[in-house]
Amino acid sequence: MSDKLDLIQSFYDRVWVEGSPEAADAFFDPEVTANGLVADLAFGGPDFHAFVDALLALIEVRRVTLVQPVEQGEWISVLVHFEASVLASGREVDGSAMLLARIRNNRFLEAYNCLDTIGMFEKMGLLPENSAALCMAGHRLR
């Protein structure tokens, strides 16, 4: 595993698996914001902590696996796969995200994410199955 991949794995393990949103501060430059976790919204610091807290109030992340990393210079792109259980029901769920990050001196300088929230919320039972397909066909979710 490369230094960048080790850093990313440590980040996900500390913040998401161990449930410690504040631990994220040690991984990011103070000016860095996480982009793409919520549409049209970039945030860092306390807002990122609140995002993590909100998701961890719904699920317990048991494991995060990094797949297919691609590195070039300071940049790394990796598929992030997670396994979790829904706190309200005990239902086992899994999901994925893509991360593109610029890392220097063991710190994130830039972070761009693409999280499959629709798929995750479908698996959690918060959205109907095939929500994206239903919306593409013009149906409104109520």
N, C-alpha and C. Protein backbone atom coordinates (compact mmCIF):
# COMPACT_ATOMS: atom_id res chain seq x y z
N MET A 1 0.85 -1.18 0.00
CA MET A 1 0.00 0.00 0.00
C MET A 1 0.89 1.24 0.00
N SER A 2 0.53 2.24 -0.77
CA SER A 2 1.31 3.48 -0.84
C SER A 2 1.02 4.35 0.38
N ASP A 3 1.86 5.37 0.58
CA ASP A 3 1.64 6.31 1.69
C ASP A 3 0.28 7.01 1.58
N LYS A 4 -0.10 7.39 0.35
CA LYS A 4 -1.38 8.07 0.16
C LYS A 4 -2.54 7.13 0.49
N LEU A 5 -2.45 5.90 0.04
CA LEU A 5 -3.50 4.92 0.32
C LEU A 5 -3.58 4.61 1.81
N ASP A 6 -2.42 4.51 2.47
CA ASP A 6 -2.39 4.32 3.92
C ASP A 6 -3.09 5.47 4.64
N LEU A 7 -2.82 6.70 4.20
CA LEU A 7 -3.44 7.88 4.81
C LEU A 7 -4.96 7.83 4.64
N ILE A 8 -5.41 7.51 3.43
CA ILE A 8 -6.85 7.46 3.16
C ILE A 8 -7.51 6.37 4.00
N GLN A 9 -6.88 5.19 4.07
CA GLN A 9 -7.45 4.10 4.87
C GLN A 9 -7.52 4.52 6.34
N SER A 10 -6.47 5.14 6.84
CA SER A 10 -6.46 5.61 8.24
C SER A 10 -7.57 6.62 8.47
N PHE A 11 -7.78 7.53 7.52
CA PHE A 11 -8.84 8.52 7.63
C PHE A 11 -10.20 7.84 7.76
N TYR A 12 -10.52 6.93 6.84
CA TYR A 12 -11.82 6.25 6.89
C TYR A 12 -11.96 5.41 8.16
N ASP A 13 -10.91 4.73 8.58
CA ASP A 13 -10.98 3.91 9.79
C ASP A 13 -11.24 4.77 11.02
N ARG A 14 -10.50 5.87 11.17
CA ARG A 14 -10.64 6.72 12.36
C ARG A 14 -11.98 7.45 12.37
N VAL A 15 -12.29 8.09 11.24
CA VAL A 15 -13.48 8.96 11.20
C VAL A 15 -14.77 8.15 11.12
N TRP A 16 -14.83 7.19 10.20
CA TRP A 16 -16.08 6.49 9.93
C TRP A 16 -16.24 5.19 10.72
N VAL A 17 -15.23 4.34 10.73
CA VAL A 17 -15.37 3.05 11.43
C VAL A 17 -15.33 3.25 12.94
N GLU A 18 -14.38 4.05 13.42
CA GLU A 18 -14.29 4.31 14.87
C GLU A 18 -15.28 5.38 15.32
N GLY A 19 -15.90 6.09 14.36
CA GLY A 19 -16.92 7.07 14.70
C GLY A 19 -16.39 8.32 15.36
N SER A 20 -15.28 8.85 14.85
CA SER A 20 -14.65 10.01 15.46
C SER A 20 -14.51 11.15 14.43
N PRO A 21 -15.59 11.91 14.19
CA PRO A 21 -15.55 12.98 13.18
C PRO A 21 -14.43 13.99 13.42
N GLU A 22 -14.14 14.30 14.69
CA GLU A 22 -13.11 15.29 15.01
C GLU A 22 -11.73 14.84 14.56
N ALA A 23 -11.53 13.53 14.43
CA ALA A 23 -10.24 13.00 13.99
C ALA A 23 -9.90 13.47 12.57
N ALA A 24 -10.92 13.86 11.80
CA ALA A 24 -10.69 14.33 10.43
C ALA A 24 -9.76 15.54 10.40
N ASP A 25 -9.80 16.36 11.43
CA ASP A 25 -8.99 17.57 11.45
C ASP A 25 -7.50 17.28 11.32
N ALA A 26 -7.05 16.15 11.81
CA ALA A 26 -5.63 15.79 11.74
C ALA A 26 -5.20 15.41 10.34
N PHE A 27 -6.16 15.12 9.45
CA PHE A 27 -5.85 14.66 8.10
C PHE A 27 -5.90 15.77 7.05
N PHE A 28 -6.56 16.89 7.38
CA PHE A 28 -6.79 17.95 6.40
C PHE A 28 -6.02 19.21 6.74
N ASP A 29 -5.55 19.90 5.71
CA ASP A 29 -5.07 21.26 5.88
C ASP A 29 -6.27 22.08 6.37
N PRO A 30 -6.07 23.08 7.21
CA PRO A 30 -7.20 23.84 7.77
C PRO A 30 -8.10 24.49 6.72
N GLU A 31 -7.56 24.84 5.56
CA GLU A 31 -8.35 25.53 4.53
C GLU A 31 -9.09 24.58 3.60
N VAL A 32 -8.89 23.28 3.73
CA VAL A 32 -9.46 22.30 2.81
C VAL A 32 -10.93 22.09 3.10
N THR A 33 -11.71 21.94 2.01
CA THR A 33 -13.11 21.57 2.14
C THR A 33 -13.33 20.27 1.37
N ALA A 34 -14.26 19.48 1.86
CA ALA A 34 -14.66 18.25 1.16
C ALA A 34 -15.75 18.63 0.18
N ASN A 35 -15.56 18.29 -1.07
CA ASN A 35 -16.51 18.63 -2.12
C ASN A 35 -17.23 17.36 -2.58
N GLY A 36 -18.53 17.48 -2.92
CA GLY A 36 -19.25 16.40 -3.54
C GLY A 36 -19.96 15.44 -2.60
N LEU A 37 -19.85 15.63 -1.30
CA LEU A 37 -20.55 14.74 -0.37
C LEU A 37 -22.04 15.03 -0.38
N VAL A 38 -22.39 16.28 -0.53
CA VAL A 38 -23.77 16.72 -0.69
C VAL A 38 -23.77 17.64 -1.90
N ALA A 39 -24.76 17.48 -2.79
CA ALA A 39 -24.80 18.24 -4.04
C ALA A 39 -24.64 19.73 -3.80
N ASP A 40 -23.76 20.34 -4.58
CA ASP A 40 -23.54 21.79 -4.57
C ASP A 40 -23.12 22.34 -3.21
N LEU A 41 -22.46 21.54 -2.40
CA LEU A 41 -22.06 21.99 -1.08
C LEU A 41 -20.66 21.47 -0.78
N ALA A 42 -19.78 22.37 -0.38
CA ALA A 42 -18.44 22.00 0.06
C ALA A 42 -18.30 22.46 1.51
N PHE A 43 -17.72 21.61 2.34
CA PHE A 43 -17.58 22.01 3.73
C PHE A 43 -16.37 21.36 4.37
N GLY A 44 -15.94 21.97 5.45
CA GLY A 44 -14.82 21.47 6.23
C GLY A 44 -15.10 21.70 7.70
N GLY A 45 -14.16 21.32 8.54
CA GLY A 45 -14.24 21.57 9.97
C GLY A 45 -15.54 21.14 10.61
N PRO A 46 -16.18 22.03 11.38
CA PRO A 46 -17.40 21.68 12.12
C PRO A 46 -18.54 21.20 11.22
N ASP A 47 -18.64 21.75 10.00
CA ASP A 47 -19.70 21.31 9.09
C ASP A 47 -19.46 19.87 8.63
N PHE A 48 -18.19 19.50 8.41
CA PHE A 48 -17.87 18.12 8.06
C PHE A 48 -18.19 17.20 9.24
N HIS A 49 -17.84 17.64 10.45
CA HIS A 49 -18.15 16.84 11.64
C HIS A 49 -19.66 16.58 11.72
N ALA A 50 -20.47 17.60 11.46
CA ALA A 50 -21.93 17.47 11.51
C ALA A 50 -22.43 16.49 10.45
N PHE A 51 -21.82 16.53 9.26
CA PHE A 51 -22.19 15.59 8.19
C PHE A 51 -21.92 14.15 8.64
N VAL A 52 -20.73 13.91 9.19
CA VAL A 52 -20.38 12.58 9.66
C VAL A 52 -21.32 12.15 10.79
N ASP A 53 -21.55 13.04 11.75
CA ASP A 53 -22.46 12.73 12.86
C ASP A 53 -23.86 12.35 12.35
N ALA A 54 -24.36 13.08 11.35
CA ALA A 54 -25.69 12.81 10.81
C ALA A 54 -25.76 11.41 10.20
N LEU A 55 -24.76 11.03 9.41
CA LEU A 55 -24.77 9.68 8.83
C LEU A 55 -24.56 8.61 9.88
N LEU A 56 -23.67 8.87 10.84
CA LEU A 56 -23.42 7.87 11.87
C LEU A 56 -24.58 7.73 12.85
N ALA A 57 -25.54 8.66 12.82
CA ALA A 57 -26.76 8.51 13.60
C ALA A 57 -27.71 7.51 12.92
N LEU A 58 -27.44 7.22 11.63
CA LEU A 58 -28.28 6.30 10.86
C LEU A 58 -27.64 4.92 10.69
N ILE A 59 -26.31 4.90 10.55
CA ILE A 59 -25.61 3.64 10.26
C ILE A 59 -24.38 3.48 11.15
N GLU A 60 -23.97 2.24 11.30
CA GLU A 60 -22.69 1.92 11.93
C GLU A 60 -21.80 1.35 10.84
N VAL A 61 -20.74 2.06 10.51
CA VAL A 61 -19.82 1.61 9.47
C VAL A 61 -18.87 0.59 10.10
N ARG A 62 -18.89 -0.62 9.56
CA ARG A 62 -18.05 -1.69 10.10
C ARG A 62 -16.72 -1.81 9.37
N ARG A 63 -16.73 -1.52 8.08
CA ARG A 63 -15.51 -1.74 7.30
C ARG A 63 -15.50 -0.85 6.07
N VAL A 64 -14.33 -0.32 5.76
CA VAL A 64 -14.12 0.46 4.54
C VAL A 64 -12.96 -0.17 3.79
N THR A 65 -13.18 -0.44 2.51
CA THR A 65 -12.17 -1.05 1.66
C THR A 65 -11.87 -0.10 0.50
N LEU A 66 -10.61 0.08 0.20
CA LEU A 66 -10.19 0.94 -0.91
C LEU A 66 -9.83 0.05 -2.09
N VAL A 67 -10.43 0.36 -3.26
CA VAL A 67 -10.30 -0.49 -4.44
C VAL A 67 -9.82 0.33 -5.63
N GLN A 68 -9.01 -0.26 -6.45
CA GLN A 68 -8.57 0.31 -7.73
C GLN A 68 -7.95 1.71 -7.61
N PRO A 69 -6.97 1.89 -6.76
CA PRO A 69 -6.34 3.22 -6.66
C PRO A 69 -5.52 3.55 -7.91
N VAL A 70 -5.55 4.81 -8.26
CA VAL A 70 -4.73 5.33 -9.36
C VAL A 70 -4.02 6.57 -8.84
N GLU A 71 -2.71 6.58 -8.93
CA GLU A 71 -1.92 7.70 -8.41
C GLU A 71 -1.12 8.36 -9.52
N GLN A 72 -1.01 9.68 -9.40
CA GLN A 72 -0.15 10.46 -10.29
C GLN A 72 0.31 11.70 -9.52
N GLY A 73 1.58 11.75 -9.22
CA GLY A 73 2.13 12.88 -8.47
C GLY A 73 1.46 12.98 -7.11
N GLU A 74 0.92 14.18 -6.80
CA GLU A 74 0.24 14.41 -5.53
C GLU A 74 -1.19 13.89 -5.51
N TRP A 75 -1.69 13.42 -6.65
CA TRP A 75 -3.09 13.05 -6.79
C TRP A 75 -3.30 11.55 -6.63
N ILE A 76 -4.46 11.19 -6.07
CA ILE A 76 -4.88 9.79 -6.00
C ILE A 76 -6.39 9.74 -6.19
N SER A 77 -6.83 8.74 -6.93
CA SER A 77 -8.25 8.47 -7.11
C SER A 77 -8.48 7.03 -6.66
N VAL A 78 -9.56 6.81 -5.93
CA VAL A 78 -9.81 5.47 -5.40
C VAL A 78 -11.31 5.25 -5.23
N LEU A 79 -11.74 4.01 -5.51
CA LEU A 79 -13.10 3.60 -5.23
C LEU A 79 -13.16 3.18 -3.77
N VAL A 80 -14.11 3.73 -3.05
CA VAL A 80 -14.27 3.46 -1.62
C VAL A 80 -15.52 2.59 -1.44
N HIS A 81 -15.36 1.42 -0.87
CA HIS A 81 -16.49 0.52 -0.62
C HIS A 81 -16.68 0.41 0.89
N PHE A 82 -17.93 0.55 1.34
CA PHE A 82 -18.16 0.44 2.78
C PHE A 82 -19.23 -0.60 3.08
N GLU A 83 -19.10 -1.20 4.25
CA GLU A 83 -20.08 -2.14 4.78
C GLU A 83 -20.57 -1.56 6.10
N ALA A 84 -21.89 -1.58 6.29
CA ALA A 84 -22.47 -0.96 7.49
C ALA A 84 -23.75 -1.68 7.87
N SER A 85 -24.27 -1.32 9.03
CA SER A 85 -25.59 -1.79 9.42
C SER A 85 -26.43 -0.57 9.79
N VAL A 86 -27.71 -0.66 9.47
CA VAL A 86 -28.65 0.42 9.75
C VAL A 86 -29.02 0.31 11.24
N LEU A 87 -28.82 1.39 11.97
CA LEU A 87 -29.06 1.36 13.41
C LEU A 87 -30.52 1.08 13.76
N ALA A 88 -31.46 1.62 12.99
CA ALA A 88 -32.88 1.46 13.31
C ALA A 88 -33.39 0.05 13.07
N SER A 89 -32.81 -0.65 12.10
CA SER A 89 -33.36 -1.96 11.72
C SER A 89 -32.38 -3.12 11.84
N GLY A 90 -31.09 -2.80 11.91
CA GLY A 90 -30.08 -3.86 11.90
C GLY A 90 -29.78 -4.38 10.51
N ARG A 91 -30.45 -3.84 9.50
CA ARG A 91 -30.25 -4.26 8.11
C ARG A 91 -28.80 -4.02 7.70
N GLU A 92 -28.21 -5.02 7.05
CA GLU A 92 -26.86 -4.90 6.52
C GLU A 92 -26.91 -4.17 5.19
N VAL A 93 -26.06 -3.17 5.02
CA VAL A 93 -26.00 -2.42 3.76
C VAL A 93 -24.55 -2.25 3.35
N ASP A 94 -24.38 -2.01 2.08
CA ASP A 94 -23.06 -1.65 1.58
C ASP A 94 -23.25 -0.53 0.58
N GLY A 95 -22.16 0.14 0.26
CA GLY A 95 -22.24 1.26 -0.68
C GLY A 95 -20.87 1.62 -1.19
N SER A 96 -20.86 2.63 -2.05
CA SER A 96 -19.60 3.03 -2.64
C SER A 96 -19.54 4.53 -2.88
N ALA A 97 -18.32 4.97 -3.03
CA ALA A 97 -18.04 6.37 -3.33
C ALA A 97 -16.73 6.41 -4.12
N MET A 98 -16.51 7.50 -4.80
CA MET A 98 -15.23 7.75 -5.46
C MET A 98 -14.59 8.93 -4.75
N LEU A 99 -13.30 8.84 -4.56
CA LEU A 99 -12.55 9.94 -3.96
C LEU A 99 -11.41 10.31 -4.89
N LEU A 100 -11.29 11.58 -5.16
CA LEU A 100 -10.14 12.14 -5.87
C LEU A 100 -9.52 13.14 -4.91
N ALA A 101 -8.26 12.93 -4.57
CA ALA A 101 -7.64 13.79 -3.56
C ALA A 101 -6.23 14.17 -3.96
N ARG A 102 -5.85 15.37 -3.53
CA ARG A 102 -4.45 15.81 -3.66
C ARG A 102 -3.87 15.79 -2.25
N ILE A 103 -2.76 15.07 -2.11
CA ILE A 103 -2.16 14.85 -0.80
C ILE A 103 -0.69 15.25 -0.85
N ARG A 104 -0.28 15.99 0.17
CA ARG A 104 1.13 16.34 0.32
C ARG A 104 1.46 16.32 1.81
N ASN A 105 2.63 15.78 2.15
CA ASN A 105 3.09 15.71 3.54
C ASN A 105 2.04 15.08 4.46
N ASN A 106 1.43 14.01 3.98
CA ASN A 106 0.45 13.25 4.77
C ASN A 106 -0.77 14.08 5.18
N ARG A 107 -1.17 15.03 4.34
CA ARG A 107 -2.36 15.85 4.59
C ARG A 107 -3.14 16.02 3.30
N PHE A 108 -4.46 15.97 3.41
CA PHE A 108 -5.31 16.26 2.26
C PHE A 108 -5.24 17.75 1.96
N LEU A 109 -4.92 18.08 0.71
CA LEU A 109 -4.93 19.48 0.27
C LEU A 109 -6.20 19.80 -0.50
N GLU A 110 -6.73 18.80 -1.20
CA GLU A 110 -8.00 18.91 -1.92
C GLU A 110 -8.69 17.56 -1.85
N ALA A 111 -10.03 17.58 -1.78
CA ALA A 111 -10.79 16.33 -1.73
C ALA A 111 -12.10 16.50 -2.49
N TYR A 112 -12.29 15.62 -3.48
CA TYR A 112 -13.51 15.63 -4.29
C TYR A 112 -14.14 14.24 -4.19
N ASN A 113 -15.42 14.21 -3.87
CA ASN A 113 -16.11 12.96 -3.60
C ASN A 113 -17.32 12.80 -4.51
N CYS A 114 -17.67 11.57 -4.76
CA CYS A 114 -18.92 11.24 -5.43
C CYS A 114 -19.50 10.06 -4.66
N LEU A 115 -20.47 10.33 -3.81
CA LEU A 115 -21.07 9.34 -2.92
C LEU A 115 -22.43 8.94 -3.48
N ASP A 116 -22.69 7.66 -3.58
CA ASP A 116 -23.97 7.16 -4.07
C ASP A 116 -25.01 7.22 -2.95
N THR A 117 -25.49 8.42 -2.66
CA THR A 117 -26.45 8.58 -1.57
C THR A 117 -27.81 7.96 -1.92
N ILE A 118 -28.22 8.05 -3.18
CA ILE A 118 -29.51 7.45 -3.54
C ILE A 118 -29.48 5.95 -3.29
N GLY A 119 -28.43 5.29 -3.78
CA GLY A 119 -28.31 3.85 -3.57
C GLY A 119 -28.24 3.50 -2.10
N MET A 120 -27.49 4.29 -1.35
CA MET A 120 -27.34 4.04 0.09
C MET A 120 -28.70 4.19 0.79
N PHE A 121 -29.43 5.27 0.49
CA PHE A 121 -30.72 5.49 1.14
C PHE A 121 -31.76 4.45 0.71
N GLU A 122 -31.67 3.96 -0.53
CA GLU A 122 -32.55 2.86 -0.95
C GLU A 122 -32.29 1.62 -0.10
N LYS A 123 -31.03 1.26 0.05
CA LYS A 123 -30.67 0.06 0.82
C LYS A 123 -31.05 0.21 2.29
N MET A 124 -31.04 1.44 2.79
CA MET A 124 -31.41 1.68 4.19
C MET A 124 -32.92 1.68 4.39
N GLY A 125 -33.67 1.68 3.28
CA GLY A 125 -35.13 1.70 3.36
C GLY A 125 -35.71 3.10 3.48
N LEU A 126 -34.89 4.13 3.26
CA LEU A 126 -35.36 5.52 3.36
C LEU A 126 -35.90 6.05 2.04
N LEU A 127 -35.55 5.40 0.93
CA LEU A 127 -36.08 5.72 -0.40
C LEU A 127 -36.59 4.43 -1.03
N PRO A 128 -37.58 4.53 -1.93
CA PRO A 128 -38.04 3.31 -2.60
C PRO A 128 -36.96 2.74 -3.51
N GLU A 129 -37.03 1.42 -3.74
CA GLU A 129 -36.10 0.79 -4.67
C GLU A 129 -36.24 1.44 -6.04
N ASN A 130 -35.14 1.51 -6.76
CA ASN A 130 -35.09 2.06 -8.11
C ASN A 130 -35.50 3.53 -8.17
N SER A 131 -35.19 4.28 -7.13
CA SER A 131 -35.56 5.70 -7.08
C SER A 131 -35.01 6.49 -8.26
N ALA A 132 -33.75 6.27 -8.62
CA ALA A 132 -33.17 7.01 -9.73
C ALA A 132 -33.91 6.71 -11.03
N ALA A 133 -34.21 5.45 -11.28
CA ALA A 133 -34.94 5.07 -12.50
C ALA A 133 -36.34 5.68 -12.50
N LEU A 134 -37.01 5.66 -11.34
CA LEU A 134 -38.33 6.25 -11.25
C LEU A 134 -38.28 7.75 -11.57
N CYS A 135 -37.30 8.45 -11.02
CA CYS A 135 -37.17 9.89 -11.29
C CYS A 135 -36.85 10.15 -12.77
N MET A 136 -36.00 9.32 -13.36
CA MET A 136 -35.66 9.49 -14.78
C MET A 136 -36.87 9.27 -15.67
N ALA A 137 -37.85 8.48 -15.19
CA ALA A 137 -39.08 8.23 -15.95
C ALA A 137 -40.13 9.30 -15.67
N GLY A 138 -39.76 10.29 -14.86
CA GLY A 138 -40.67 11.40 -14.61
C GLY A 138 -41.55 11.24 -13.39
N HIS A 139 -41.37 10.18 -12.62
CA HIS A 139 -42.18 9.98 -11.42
C HIS A 139 -41.63 10.82 -10.28
N ARG A 140 -42.52 11.33 -9.46
CA ARG A 140 -42.12 12.06 -8.26
C ARG A 140 -42.14 11.12 -7.07
N LEU A 141 -41.13 11.23 -6.25
CA LEU A 141 -41.10 10.42 -5.04
C LEU A 141 -41.86 11.17 -3.95
N ARG A 142 -42.79 10.51 -3.32
CA ARG A 142 -43.60 11.15 -2.28
C ARG A 142 -43.50 10.38 -1.01
